PDB file of N, CA and C in Angstrom:
ATOM      1  N   MET A   1     -23.408   1.344  -1.208  1.00  0.00           N
ATOM      2  CA  MET A   1     -22.034   1.323  -1.066  1.00  0.00           C
ATOM      3  C   MET A   1     -21.541   2.463  -0.177  1.00  0.00           C
ATOM      4  N   THR A   2     -20.604   2.067   0.792  1.00  0.00           N
ATOM      5  CA  THR A   2     -20.226   3.101   1.718  1.00  0.00           C
ATOM      6  C   THR A   2     -19.229   3.960   1.035  1.00  0.00           C
ATOM      7  N   PRO A   3     -19.107   5.104   1.295  1.00  0.00           N
ATOM      8  CA  PRO A   3     -18.047   5.998   0.649  1.00  0.00           C
ATOM      9  C   PRO A   3     -16.672   5.562   1.308  1.00  0.00           C
ATOM     10  N   PRO A   4     -15.586   5.842   0.373  1.00  0.00           N
ATOM     11  CA  PRO A   4     -14.249   5.616   0.796  1.00  0.00           C
ATOM     12  C   PRO A   4     -13.899   6.241   2.153  1.00  0.00           C
ATOM     13  N   THR A   5     -13.132   5.652   3.038  1.00  0.00           N
ATOM     14  CA  THR A   5     -12.638   6.108   4.287  1.00  0.00           C
ATOM     15  C   THR A   5     -11.365   6.847   4.228  1.00  0.00           C
ATOM     16  N   ASN A   6     -10.887   7.697   4.887  1.00  0.00           N
ATOM     17  CA  ASN A   6      -9.634   8.397   5.109  1.00  0.00           C
ATOM     18  C   ASN A   6      -8.691   7.368   5.600  1.00  0.00           C
ATOM     19  N   LEU A   7      -7.419   7.193   5.044  1.00  0.00           N
ATOM     20  CA  LEU A   7      -6.513   6.238   5.616  1.00  0.00           C
ATOM     21  C   LEU A   7      -5.958   6.828   6.844  1.00  0.00           C
ATOM     22  N   LEU A   8      -5.830   5.853   7.827  1.00  0.00           N
ATOM     23  CA  LEU A   8      -5.055   6.202   9.042  1.00  0.00           C
ATOM     24  C   LEU A   8      -3.448   6.474   8.641  1.00  0.00           C
ATOM     25  N   GLN A   9      -3.015   7.359   9.375  1.00  0.00           N
ATOM     26  CA  GLN A   9      -1.557   7.476   9.164  1.00  0.00           C
ATOM     27  C   GLN A   9      -0.718   6.359   9.289  1.00  0.00           C
ATOM     28  N   GLY A  10       0.137   6.048   8.342  1.00  0.00           N
ATOM     29  CA  GLY A  10       0.994   4.819   8.301  1.00  0.00           C
ATOM     30  C   GLY A  10       0.477   3.638   7.635  1.00  0.00           C
ATOM     31  N   THR A  11      -0.799   3.699   7.460  1.00  0.00           N
ATOM     32  CA  THR A  11      -1.457   2.554   6.712  1.00  0.00           C
ATOM     33  C   THR A  11      -1.360   2.422   5.262  1.00  0.00           C
ATOM     34  N   LEU A  12      -1.099   3.664   4.645  1.00  0.00           N
ATOM     35  CA  LEU A  12      -0.759   3.627   3.070  1.00  0.00           C
ATOM     36  C   LEU A  12       0.465   2.828   2.815  1.00  0.00           C
ATOM     37  N   ASP A  13       1.498   3.097   3.473  1.00  0.00           N
ATOM     38  CA  ASP A  13       2.665   2.219   3.256  1.00  0.00           C
ATOM     39  C   ASP A  13       2.483   0.718   3.332  1.00  0.00           C
ATOM     40  N   LEU A  14       1.762   0.186   4.287  1.00  0.00           N
ATOM     41  CA  LEU A  14       1.373  -1.210   4.587  1.00  0.00           C
ATOM     42  C   LEU A  14       0.643  -1.564   3.384  1.00  0.00           C
ATOM     43  N   LEU A  15      -0.384  -0.636   2.988  1.00  0.00           N
ATOM     44  CA  LEU A  15      -1.330  -1.187   1.745  1.00  0.00           C
ATOM     45  C   LEU A  15      -0.412  -1.239   0.504  1.00  0.00           C
ATOM     46  N   ILE A  16       0.381  -0.235   0.263  1.00  0.00           N
ATOM     47  CA  ILE A  16       1.309  -0.364  -0.885  1.00  0.00           C
ATOM     48  C   ILE A  16       2.200  -1.529  -0.906  1.00  0.00           C
ATOM     49  N   LEU A  17       2.824  -1.971   0.103  1.00  0.00           N
ATOM     50  CA  LEU A  17       3.493  -3.217   0.308  1.00  0.00           C
ATOM     51  C   LEU A  17       2.831  -4.303  -0.139  1.00  0.00           C
ATOM     52  N   LYS A  18       1.531  -4.345   0.620  1.00  0.00           N
ATOM     53  CA  LYS A  18       0.635  -5.568   0.292  1.00  0.00           C
ATOM     54  C   LYS A  18       0.259  -5.699  -1.184  1.00  0.00           C
ATOM     55  N   ALA A  19      -0.046  -4.556  -1.652  1.00  0.00           N
ATOM     56  CA  ALA A  19      -0.547  -4.542  -3.150  1.00  0.00           C
ATOM     57  C   ALA A  19       0.394  -5.007  -4.042  1.00  0.00           C
ATOM     58  N   LEU A  20       1.794  -4.931  -3.774  1.00  0.00           N
ATOM     59  CA  LEU A  20       2.881  -5.462  -4.753  1.00  0.00           C
ATOM     60  C   LEU A  20       3.197  -6.694  -4.298  1.00  0.00           C
ATOM     61  N   THR A  21       2.619  -7.512  -3.423  1.00  0.00           N
ATOM     62  CA  THR A  21       3.068  -8.860  -3.284  1.00  0.00           C
ATOM     63  C   THR A  21       2.984  -9.909  -4.193  1.00  0.00           C
ATOM     64  N   LEU A  22       2.110  -9.642  -5.221  1.00  0.00           N
ATOM     65  CA  LEU A  22       1.998 -10.610  -6.346  1.00  0.00           C
ATOM     66  C   LEU A  22       2.765 -10.256  -7.613  1.00  0.00           C
ATOM     67  N   GLU A  23       2.808  -9.068  -7.978  1.00  0.00           N
ATOM     68  CA  GLU A  23       3.474  -8.633  -9.175  1.00  0.00           C
ATOM     69  C   GLU A  23       3.857  -7.064  -9.111  1.00  0.00           C
ATOM     70  N   GLU A  24       4.746  -6.729 -10.030  1.00  0.00           N
ATOM     71  CA  GLU A  24       5.168  -5.215 -10.010  1.00  0.00           C
ATOM     72  C   GLU A  24       3.919  -4.459 -10.861  1.00  0.00           C
ATOM     73  N   MET A  25       3.979  -3.318 -10.436  1.00  0.00           N
ATOM     74  CA  MET A  25       2.744  -2.630 -10.927  1.00  0.00           C
ATOM     75  C   MET A  25       3.100  -1.170 -11.045  1.00  0.00           C
ATOM     76  N   HIS A  26       2.432  -0.254 -11.857  1.00  0.00           N
ATOM     77  CA  HIS A  26       2.743   1.229 -11.900  1.00  0.00           C
ATOM     78  C   HIS A  26       1.853   1.811 -10.926  1.00  0.00           C
ATOM     79  N   GLY A  27       1.942   3.082 -10.654  1.00  0.00           N
ATOM     80  CA  GLY A  27       1.109   3.768  -9.670  1.00  0.00           C
ATOM     81  C   GLY A  27      -0.350   3.632  -9.881  1.00  0.00           C
ATOM     82  N   LEU A  28      -0.903   3.736 -10.965  1.00  0.00           N
ATOM     83  CA  LEU A  28      -2.338   3.693 -11.097  1.00  0.00           C
ATOM     84  C   LEU A  28      -2.776   2.076 -10.706  1.00  0.00           C
ATOM     85  N   GLY A  29      -2.006   1.141 -11.295  1.00  0.00           N
ATOM     86  CA  GLY A  29      -2.261  -0.056 -10.798  1.00  0.00           C
ATOM     87  C   GLY A  29      -2.304  -0.366  -9.424  1.00  0.00           C
ATOM     88  N   ILE A  30      -1.309   0.275  -8.603  1.00  0.00           N
ATOM     89  CA  ILE A  30      -1.246   0.121  -7.218  1.00  0.00           C
ATOM     90  C   ILE A  30      -2.420   0.631  -6.607  1.00  0.00           C
ATOM     91  N   ALA A  31      -2.849   1.827  -7.114  1.00  0.00           N
ATOM     92  CA  ALA A  31      -4.135   2.458  -6.344  1.00  0.00           C
ATOM     93  C   ALA A  31      -5.309   1.681  -6.804  1.00  0.00           C
ATOM     94  N   ARG A  32      -5.489   1.122  -7.885  1.00  0.00           N
ATOM     95  CA  ARG A  32      -6.649   0.165  -8.228  1.00  0.00           C
ATOM     96  C   ARG A  32      -6.468  -1.057  -7.333  1.00  0.00           C
ATOM     97  N   ARG A  33      -5.325  -1.714  -7.267  1.00  0.00           N
ATOM     98  CA  ARG A  33      -5.277  -2.822  -6.441  1.00  0.00           C
ATOM     99  C   ARG A  33      -5.613  -2.611  -4.876  1.00  0.00           C
ATOM    100  N   ILE A  34      -5.132  -1.387  -4.519  1.00  0.00           N
ATOM    101  CA  ILE A  34      -5.534  -1.222  -3.048  1.00  0.00           C
ATOM    102  C   ILE A  34      -7.257  -1.089  -2.927  1.00  0.00           C
ATOM    103  N   GLU A  35      -7.651  -0.338  -3.812  1.00  0.00           N
ATOM    104  CA  GLU A  35      -9.251  -0.328  -3.876  1.00  0.00           C
ATOM    105  C   GLU A  35      -9.860  -1.776  -3.872  1.00  0.00           C
ATOM    106  N   GLN A  36      -9.259  -2.540  -4.636  1.00  0.00           N
ATOM    107  CA  GLN A  36      -9.724  -4.021  -4.786  1.00  0.00           C
ATOM    108  C   GLN A  36      -9.499  -4.553  -3.499  1.00  0.00           C
ATOM    109  N   ILE A  37      -8.394  -4.650  -2.854  1.00  0.00           N
ATOM    110  CA  ILE A  37      -8.238  -5.513  -1.724  1.00  0.00           C
ATOM    111  C   ILE A  37      -8.788  -4.885  -0.489  1.00  0.00           C
ATOM    112  N   THR A  38      -9.194  -3.655  -0.521  1.00  0.00           N
ATOM    113  CA  THR A  38      -9.851  -3.094   0.669  1.00  0.00           C
ATOM    114  C   THR A  38     -11.415  -2.962   0.357  1.00  0.00           C
ATOM    115  N   ARG A  39     -11.788  -3.656  -0.775  1.00  0.00           N
ATOM    116  CA  ARG A  39     -13.172  -3.646  -1.158  1.00  0.00           C
ATOM    117  C   ARG A  39     -13.724  -2.324  -1.189  1.00  0.00           C
ATOM    118  N   ASP A  40     -12.911  -1.272  -1.942  1.00  0.00           N
ATOM    119  CA  ASP A  40     -13.437   0.045  -2.125  1.00  0.00           C
ATOM    120  C   ASP A  40     -13.503   0.947  -0.768  1.00  0.00           C
ATOM    121  N   ALA A  41     -12.983   0.291   0.246  1.00  0.00           N
ATOM    122  CA  ALA A  41     -13.009   1.129   1.636  1.00  0.00           C
ATOM    123  C   ALA A  41     -12.018   2.370   1.550  1.00  0.00           C
ATOM    124  N   PHE A  42     -10.913   2.175   0.665  1.00  0.00           N
ATOM    125  CA  PHE A  42      -9.869   3.218   0.521  1.00  0.00           C
ATOM    126  C   PHE A  42      -9.628   3.564  -0.850  1.00  0.00           C
ATOM    127  N   GLU A  43      -9.674   4.959  -1.090  1.00  0.00           N
ATOM    128  CA  GLU A  43      -9.397   5.323  -2.479  1.00  0.00           C
ATOM    129  C   GLU A  43      -8.110   6.243  -2.255  1.00  0.00           C
ATOM    130  N   VAL A  44      -7.170   5.832  -3.084  1.00  0.00           N
ATOM    131  CA  VAL A  44      -5.782   6.421  -2.796  1.00  0.00           C
ATOM    132  C   VAL A  44      -5.558   7.617  -3.921  1.00  0.00           C
ATOM    133  N   LYS A  45      -5.387   8.593  -3.578  1.00  0.00           N
ATOM    134  CA  LYS A  45      -5.174   9.792  -4.545  1.00  0.00           C
ATOM    135  C   LYS A  45      -3.737   9.833  -4.884  1.00  0.00           C
ATOM    136  N   ALA A  46      -3.553  10.413  -6.134  1.00  0.00           N
ATOM    137  CA  ALA A  46      -2.136  10.587  -6.651  1.00  0.00           C
ATOM    138  C   ALA A  46      -1.229  11.393  -5.693  1.00  0.00           C
ATOM    139  N   GLY A  47      -1.783  12.410  -5.029  1.00  0.00           N
ATOM    140  CA  GLY A  47      -1.150  13.191  -4.180  1.00  0.00           C
ATOM    141  C   GLY A  47      -0.547  12.727  -2.962  1.00  0.00           C
ATOM    142  N   SER A  48      -1.183  11.395  -2.491  1.00  0.00           N
ATOM    143  CA  SER A  48      -0.814  10.703  -1.301  1.00  0.00           C
ATOM    144  C   SER A  48       0.177   9.469  -1.810  1.00  0.00           C
ATOM    145  N   LEU A  49      -0.268   8.958  -3.038  1.00  0.00           N
ATOM    146  CA  LEU A  49       0.447   7.785  -3.491  1.00  0.00           C
ATOM    147  C   LEU A  49       1.900   7.997  -3.753  1.00  0.00           C
ATOM    148  N   PHE A  50       2.064   8.900  -4.733  1.00  0.00           N
ATOM    149  CA  PHE A  50       3.344   9.088  -5.297  1.00  0.00           C
ATOM    150  C   PHE A  50       4.556   9.523  -4.352  1.00  0.00           C
ATOM    151  N   PRO A  51       4.117  10.466  -3.376  1.00  0.00           N
ATOM    152  CA  PRO A  51       5.093  10.580  -2.312  1.00  0.00           C
ATOM    153  C   PRO A  51       5.431   9.273  -1.457  1.00  0.00           C
ATOM    154  N   ALA A  52       4.395   8.547  -1.164  1.00  0.00           N
ATOM    155  CA  ALA A  52       4.532   7.355  -0.467  1.00  0.00           C
ATOM    156  C   ALA A  52       5.521   6.416  -1.269  1.00  0.00           C
ATOM    157  N   LEU A  53       5.160   6.210  -2.594  1.00  0.00           N
ATOM    158  CA  LEU A  53       6.061   5.319  -3.427  1.00  0.00           C
ATOM    159  C   LEU A  53       7.466   5.861  -3.291  1.00  0.00           C
ATOM    160  N   HIS A  54       7.715   7.040  -3.359  1.00  0.00           N
ATOM    161  CA  HIS A  54       9.146   7.711  -3.363  1.00  0.00           C
ATOM    162  C   HIS A  54       9.820   7.453  -2.001  1.00  0.00           C
ATOM    163  N   ARG A  55       8.938   7.417  -0.960  1.00  0.00           N
ATOM    164  CA  ARG A  55       9.578   7.304   0.323  1.00  0.00           C
ATOM    165  C   ARG A  55       9.818   5.817   0.530  1.00  0.00           C
ATOM    166  N   LEU A  56       8.973   5.011  -0.001  1.00  0.00           N
ATOM    167  CA  LEU A  56       9.198   3.580   0.147  1.00  0.00           C
ATOM    168  C   LEU A  56      10.488   3.146  -0.652  1.00  0.00           C
ATOM    169  N   GLU A  57      10.742   3.726  -1.745  1.00  0.00           N
ATOM    170  CA  GLU A  57      11.718   3.470  -2.839  1.00  0.00           C
ATOM    171  C   GLU A  57      13.005   3.871  -2.020  1.00  0.00           C
ATOM    172  N   GLU A  58      12.995   5.184  -1.291  1.00  0.00           N
ATOM    173  CA  GLU A  58      14.163   5.553  -0.735  1.00  0.00           C
ATOM    174  C   GLU A  58      14.526   4.687   0.564  1.00  0.00           C
ATOM    175  N   ALA A  59      13.478   4.158   1.117  1.00  0.00           N
ATOM    176  CA  ALA A  59      13.838   3.239   2.286  1.00  0.00           C
ATOM    177  C   ALA A  59      14.405   1.828   1.850  1.00  0.00           C
ATOM    178  N   GLY A  60      14.425   1.609   0.417  1.00  0.00           N
ATOM    179  CA  GLY A  60      14.878   0.458  -0.069  1.00  0.00           C
ATOM    180  C   GLY A  60      13.793  -0.734  -0.018  1.00  0.00           C
ATOM    181  N   TRP A  61      12.565  -0.372   0.260  1.00  0.00           N
ATOM    182  CA  TRP A  61      11.597  -1.353   0.237  1.00  0.00           C
ATOM    183  C   TRP A  61      10.921  -1.615  -1.006  1.00  0.00           C
ATOM    184  N   LEU A  62      11.218  -0.813  -1.961  1.00  0.00           N
ATOM    185  CA  LEU A  62      10.650  -0.864  -3.452  1.00  0.00           C
ATOM    186  C   LEU A  62      11.830  -0.588  -4.375  1.00  0.00           C
ATOM    187  N   SER A  63      11.728  -1.275  -5.536  1.00  0.00           N
ATOM    188  CA  SER A  63      12.705  -0.900  -6.588  1.00  0.00           C
ATOM    189  C   SER A  63      11.732  -0.433  -7.688  1.00  0.00           C
ATOM    190  N   ALA A  64      12.107   0.368  -8.690  1.00  0.00           N
ATOM    191  CA  ALA A  64      11.334   0.775  -9.717  1.00  0.00           C
ATOM    192  C   ALA A  64      12.150   0.854 -10.949  1.00  0.00           C
ATOM    193  N   VAL A  65      11.556   0.563 -12.167  1.00  0.00           N
ATOM    194  CA  VAL A  65      12.034   0.656 -13.574  1.00  0.00           C
ATOM    195  C   VAL A  65      11.016   1.379 -14.366  1.00  0.00           C
ATOM    196  N   TRP A  66      11.452   2.128 -15.426  1.00  0.00           N
ATOM    197  CA  TRP A  66      10.554   2.718 -16.125  1.00  0.00           C
ATOM    198  C   TRP A  66      10.139   1.589 -17.335  1.00  0.00           C
ATOM    199  N   GLY A  67       8.979   1.686 -17.641  1.00  0.00           N
ATOM    200  CA  GLY A  67       8.366   0.629 -18.702  1.00  0.00           C
ATOM    201  C   GLY A  67       7.216   1.294 -19.493  1.00  0.00           C
ATOM    202  N   GLU A  68       6.637   0.570 -20.204  1.00  0.00           N
ATOM    203  CA  GLU A  68       5.531   0.956 -20.985  1.00  0.00           C
ATOM    204  C   GLU A  68       4.242   0.586 -20.403  1.00  0.00           C
ATOM    205  N   SER A  69       3.094   1.240 -20.077  1.00  0.00           N
ATOM    206  CA  SER A  69       1.876   0.842 -19.652  1.00  0.00           C
ATOM    207  C   SER A  69       1.155   0.037 -20.703  1.00  0.00           C
ATOM    208  N   GLU A  70      -0.115  -0.530 -20.265  1.00  0.00           N
ATOM    209  CA  GLU A  70      -0.893  -1.245 -21.229  1.00  0.00           C
ATOM    210  C   GLU A  70      -1.521  -0.100 -22.243  1.00  0.00           C
ATOM    211  N   ASN A  71      -1.443   1.212 -21.832  1.00  0.00           N
ATOM    212  CA  ASN A  71      -2.051   2.141 -22.863  1.00  0.00           C
ATOM    213  C   ASN A  71      -0.872   2.795 -23.660  1.00  0.00           C
ATOM    214  N   ASN A  72       0.240   2.073 -23.702  1.00  0.00           N
ATOM    215  CA  ASN A  72       1.508   2.534 -24.533  1.00  0.00           C
ATOM    216  C   ASN A  72       1.990   3.926 -24.050  1.00  0.00           C
ATOM    217  N   ARG A  73       1.766   4.159 -22.635  1.00  0.00           N
ATOM    218  CA  ARG A  73       2.444   5.319 -21.889  1.00  0.00           C
ATOM    219  C   ARG A  73       3.788   4.935 -21.166  1.00  0.00           C
ATOM    220  N   ARG A  74       4.561   5.834 -21.023  1.00  0.00           N
ATOM    221  CA  ARG A  74       5.730   5.505 -20.174  1.00  0.00           C
ATOM    222  C   ARG A  74       5.197   5.595 -18.674  1.00  0.00           C
ATOM    223  N   ALA A  75       5.499   4.673 -17.992  1.00  0.00           N
ATOM    224  CA  ALA A  75       5.107   4.444 -16.690  1.00  0.00           C
ATOM    225  C   ALA A  75       6.220   3.777 -15.795  1.00  0.00           C
ATOM    226  N   LYS A  76       6.297   4.134 -14.547  1.00  0.00           N
ATOM    227  CA  LYS A  76       7.337   3.662 -13.550  1.00  0.00           C
ATOM    228  C   LYS A  76       6.687   2.441 -12.969  1.00  0.00           C
ATOM    229  N   TYR A  77       7.308   1.207 -13.069  1.00  0.00           N
ATOM    230  CA  TYR A  77       6.881   0.098 -12.403  1.00  0.00           C
ATOM    231  C   TYR A  77       7.590  -0.297 -11.125  1.00  0.00           C
ATOM    232  N   TYR A  78       6.795  -0.494 -10.089  1.00  0.00           N
ATOM    233  CA  TYR A  78       7.406  -0.794  -8.631  1.00  0.00           C
ATOM    234  C   TYR A  78       7.388  -2.232  -8.356  1.00  0.00           C
ATOM    235  N   ARG A  79       8.238  -2.704  -7.619  1.00  0.00           N
ATOM    236  CA  ARG A  79       8.364  -4.072  -7.113  1.00  0.00           C
ATOM    237  C   ARG A  79       8.822  -4.156  -5.779  1.00  0.00           C
ATOM    238  N   LEU A  80       8.413  -5.116  -4.913  1.00  0.00           N
ATOM    239  CA  LEU A  80       8.976  -5.261  -3.551  1.00  0.00           C
ATOM    240  C   LEU A  80      10.453  -5.791  -3.522  1.00  0.00           C
ATOM    241  N   THR A  81      11.135  -5.091  -2.754  1.00  0.00           N
ATOM    242  CA  THR A  81      12.493  -5.853  -2.614  1.00  0.00           C
ATOM    243  C   THR A  81      12.512  -6.825  -1.565  1.00  0.00           C
ATOM    244  N   ARG A  82      13.525  -7.503  -1.293  1.00  0.00           N
ATOM    245  CA  ARG A  82      13.566  -8.479  -0.088  1.00  0.00           C
ATOM    246  C   ARG A  82      13.429  -7.730   1.271  1.00  0.00           C
ATOM    247  N   ALA A  83      14.004  -6.475   1.312  1.00  0.00           N
ATOM    248  CA  ALA A  83      13.746  -5.759   2.450  1.00  0.00           C
ATOM    249  C   ALA A  83      12.110  -5.315   2.545  1.00  0.00           C
ATOM    250  N   GLY A  84      11.626  -4.931   1.526  1.00  0.00           N
ATOM    251  CA  GLY A  84      10.185  -4.627   1.455  1.00  0.00           C
ATOM    252  C   GLY A  84       9.267  -5.732   1.890  1.00  0.00           C
ATOM    253  N   ARG A  85       9.634  -6.882   1.610  1.00  0.00           N
ATOM    254  CA  ARG A  85       8.906  -8.281   2.062  1.00  0.00           C
ATOM    255  C   ARG A  85       8.993  -8.428   3.574  1.00  0.00           C
ATOM    256  N   ALA A  86      10.188  -8.209   4.099  1.00  0.00           N
ATOM    257  CA  ALA A  86      10.553  -8.202   5.469  1.00  0.00           C
ATOM    258  C   ALA A  86       9.807  -6.950   6.101  1.00  0.00           C
ATOM    259  N   GLN A  87       9.717  -5.718   5.533  1.00  0.00           N
ATOM    260  CA  GLN A  87       9.019  -4.861   6.125  1.00  0.00           C
ATOM    261  C   GLN A  87       7.457  -5.008   6.172  1.00  0.00           C
ATOM    262  N   LEU A  88       6.883  -5.765   5.160  1.00  0.00           N
ATOM    263  CA  LEU A  88       5.594  -5.936   5.163  1.00  0.00           C
ATOM    264  C   LEU A  88       5.119  -7.071   6.303  1.00  0.00           C
ATOM    265  N   LYS A  89       6.127  -8.049   6.370  1.00  0.00           N
ATOM    266  CA  LYS A  89       5.890  -8.917   7.470  1.00  0.00           C
ATOM    267  C   LYS A  89       5.969  -8.232   8.994  1.00  0.00           C
ATOM    268  N   THR A  90       6.829  -7.404   9.106  1.00  0.00           N
ATOM    269  CA  THR A  90       6.851  -6.624  10.509  1.00  0.00           C
ATOM    270  C   THR A  90       5.757  -5.705  10.513  1.00  0.00           C
ATOM    271  N   GLU A  91       5.184  -4.937   9.526  1.00  0.00           N
ATOM    272  CA  GLU A  91       4.110  -3.946   9.647  1.00  0.00           C
ATOM    273  C   GLU A  91       2.724  -4.919   9.777  1.00  0.00           C
ATOM    274  N   THR A  92       2.663  -5.939   9.093  1.00  0.00           N
ATOM    275  CA  THR A  92       1.504  -6.757   9.250  1.00  0.00           C
ATOM    276  C   THR A  92       1.354  -7.248  10.774  1.00  0.00           C
ATOM    277  N   ALA A  93       2.420  -7.785  11.303  1.00  0.00           N
ATOM    278  CA  ALA A  93       2.384  -8.183  12.706  1.00  0.00           C
ATOM    279  C   ALA A  93       1.994  -7.005  13.504  1.00  0.00           C
ATOM    280  N   GLU A  94       2.514  -5.866  13.408  1.00  0.00           N
ATOM    281  CA  GLU A  94       2.258  -4.661  14.263  1.00  0.00           C
ATOM    282  C   GLU A  94       0.913  -4.318  14.159  1.00  0.00           C
ATOM    283  N   TRP A  95       0.198  -4.282  12.721  1.00  0.00           N
ATOM    284  CA  TRP A  95      -1.092  -3.847  12.544  1.00  0.00           C
ATOM    285  C   TRP A  95      -2.084  -4.807  13.288  1.00  0.00           C
ATOM    286  N   GLY A  96      -1.645  -6.150  13.207  1.00  0.00           N
ATOM    287  CA  GLY A  96      -2.531  -7.052  13.974  1.00  0.00           C
ATOM    288  C   GLY A  96      -2.535  -6.819  15.402  1.00  0.00           C
ATOM    289  N   ARG A  97      -1.365  -6.507  16.150  1.00  0.00           N
ATOM    290  CA  ARG A  97      -1.302  -6.283  17.381  1.00  0.00           C
ATOM    291  C   ARG A  97      -2.175  -4.977  17.750  1.00  0.00           C
ATOM    292  N   ILE A  98      -2.003  -3.911  17.025  1.00  0.00           N
ATOM    293  CA  ILE A  98      -2.738  -2.780  17.291  1.00  0.00           C
ATOM    294  C   ILE A  98      -4.359  -2.973  17.074  1.00  0.00           C
ATOM    295  N   SER A  99      -4.653  -3.641  16.099  1.00  0.00           N
ATOM    296  CA  SER A  99      -6.240  -3.869  15.946  1.00  0.00           C
ATOM    297  C   SER A  99      -6.792  -4.557  16.958  1.00  0.00           C
ATOM    298  N   VAL A 100      -6.012  -5.572  17.598  1.00  0.00           N
ATOM    299  CA  VAL A 100      -6.549  -6.504  18.712  1.00  0.00           C
ATOM    300  C   VAL A 100      -6.519  -5.683  19.931  1.00  0.00           C
ATOM    301  N   ALA A 101      -5.662  -4.792  20.075  1.00  0.00           N
ATOM    302  CA  ALA A 101      -5.590  -3.811  21.211  1.00  0.00           C
ATOM    303  C   ALA A 101      -6.940  -2.786  21.097  1.00  0.00           C
ATOM    304  N   ILE A 102      -6.958  -2.290  20.165  1.00  0.00           N
ATOM    305  CA  ILE A 102      -8.175  -1.393  20.049  1.00  0.00           C
ATOM    306  C   ILE A 102      -9.698  -2.072  20.100  1.00  0.00           C
ATOM    307  N   ALA A 103      -9.662  -3.335  19.582  1.00  0.00           N
ATOM    308  CA  ALA A 103     -10.888  -4.096  19.737  1.00  0.00           C
ATOM    309  C   ALA A 103     -11.124  -4.320  21.111  1.00  0.00           C
ATOM    310  N   PHE A 104     -10.068  -4.755  21.934  1.00  0.00           N
ATOM    311  CA  PHE A 104     -10.147  -4.857  23.413  1.00  0.00           C
ATOM    312  C   PHE A 104     -10.737  -3.577  23.985  1.00  0.00           C
ATOM    313  N   ALA A 105     -10.152  -2.405  23.699  1.00  0.00           N
ATOM    314  CA  ALA A 105     -10.429  -1.152  24.261  1.00  0.00           C
ATOM    315  C   ALA A 105     -11.746  -0.706  23.986  1.00  0.00           C
ATOM    316  N   LEU A 106     -12.294  -1.025  22.887  1.00  0.00           N
ATOM    317  CA  LEU A 106     -13.776  -0.660  22.542  1.00  0.00           C
ATOM    318  C   LEU A 106     -14.672  -1.513  23.314  1.00  0.00           C
ATOM    319  N   ARG A 107     -14.423  -2.807  23.471  1.00  0.00           N
ATOM    320  CA  ARG A 107     -15.339  -3.629  24.210  1.00  0.00           C
ATOM    321  C   ARG A 107     -15.089  -3.372  25.845  1.00  0.00           C
ATOM    322  N   ALA A 108     -14.107  -2.670  26.201  1.00  0.00           N
ATOM    323  CA  ALA A 108     -14.172  -2.344  27.685  1.00  0.00           C
ATOM    324  C   ALA A 108     -15.161  -1.755  28.243  1.00  0.00           C
ATOM    325  N   SER A 109     -15.519  -2.035  29.590  1.00  0.00           N
ATOM    326  CA  SER A 109     -16.709  -1.194  30.085  1.00  0.00           C
ATOM    327  C   SER A 109     -16.203  -0.162  31.157  1.00  0.00           C
TER     328      SER A 109
END
């Protein structure tokens, strides 16, 4: 197995938005979902995750409510807002454009 890779700046927000497309989740659930959807390429640490969640909530892309986790612990559950879904669409398109451009650059002679 390949060790986890450091996230490129700006990609954590995109991955958080993507992780929340199916259902609301608490922070640990979001971190696990990111590991799952990236096939363990990215491991998100709490020190990066929670500031990003706060930033996305402040931007209006996530909403959050307190609830009880599967372990009977108090946890903050996050969900995508309509603005968050629009932002995910925008960032997905931008990421696709960037990845194609980098692929072209790497194949250039």
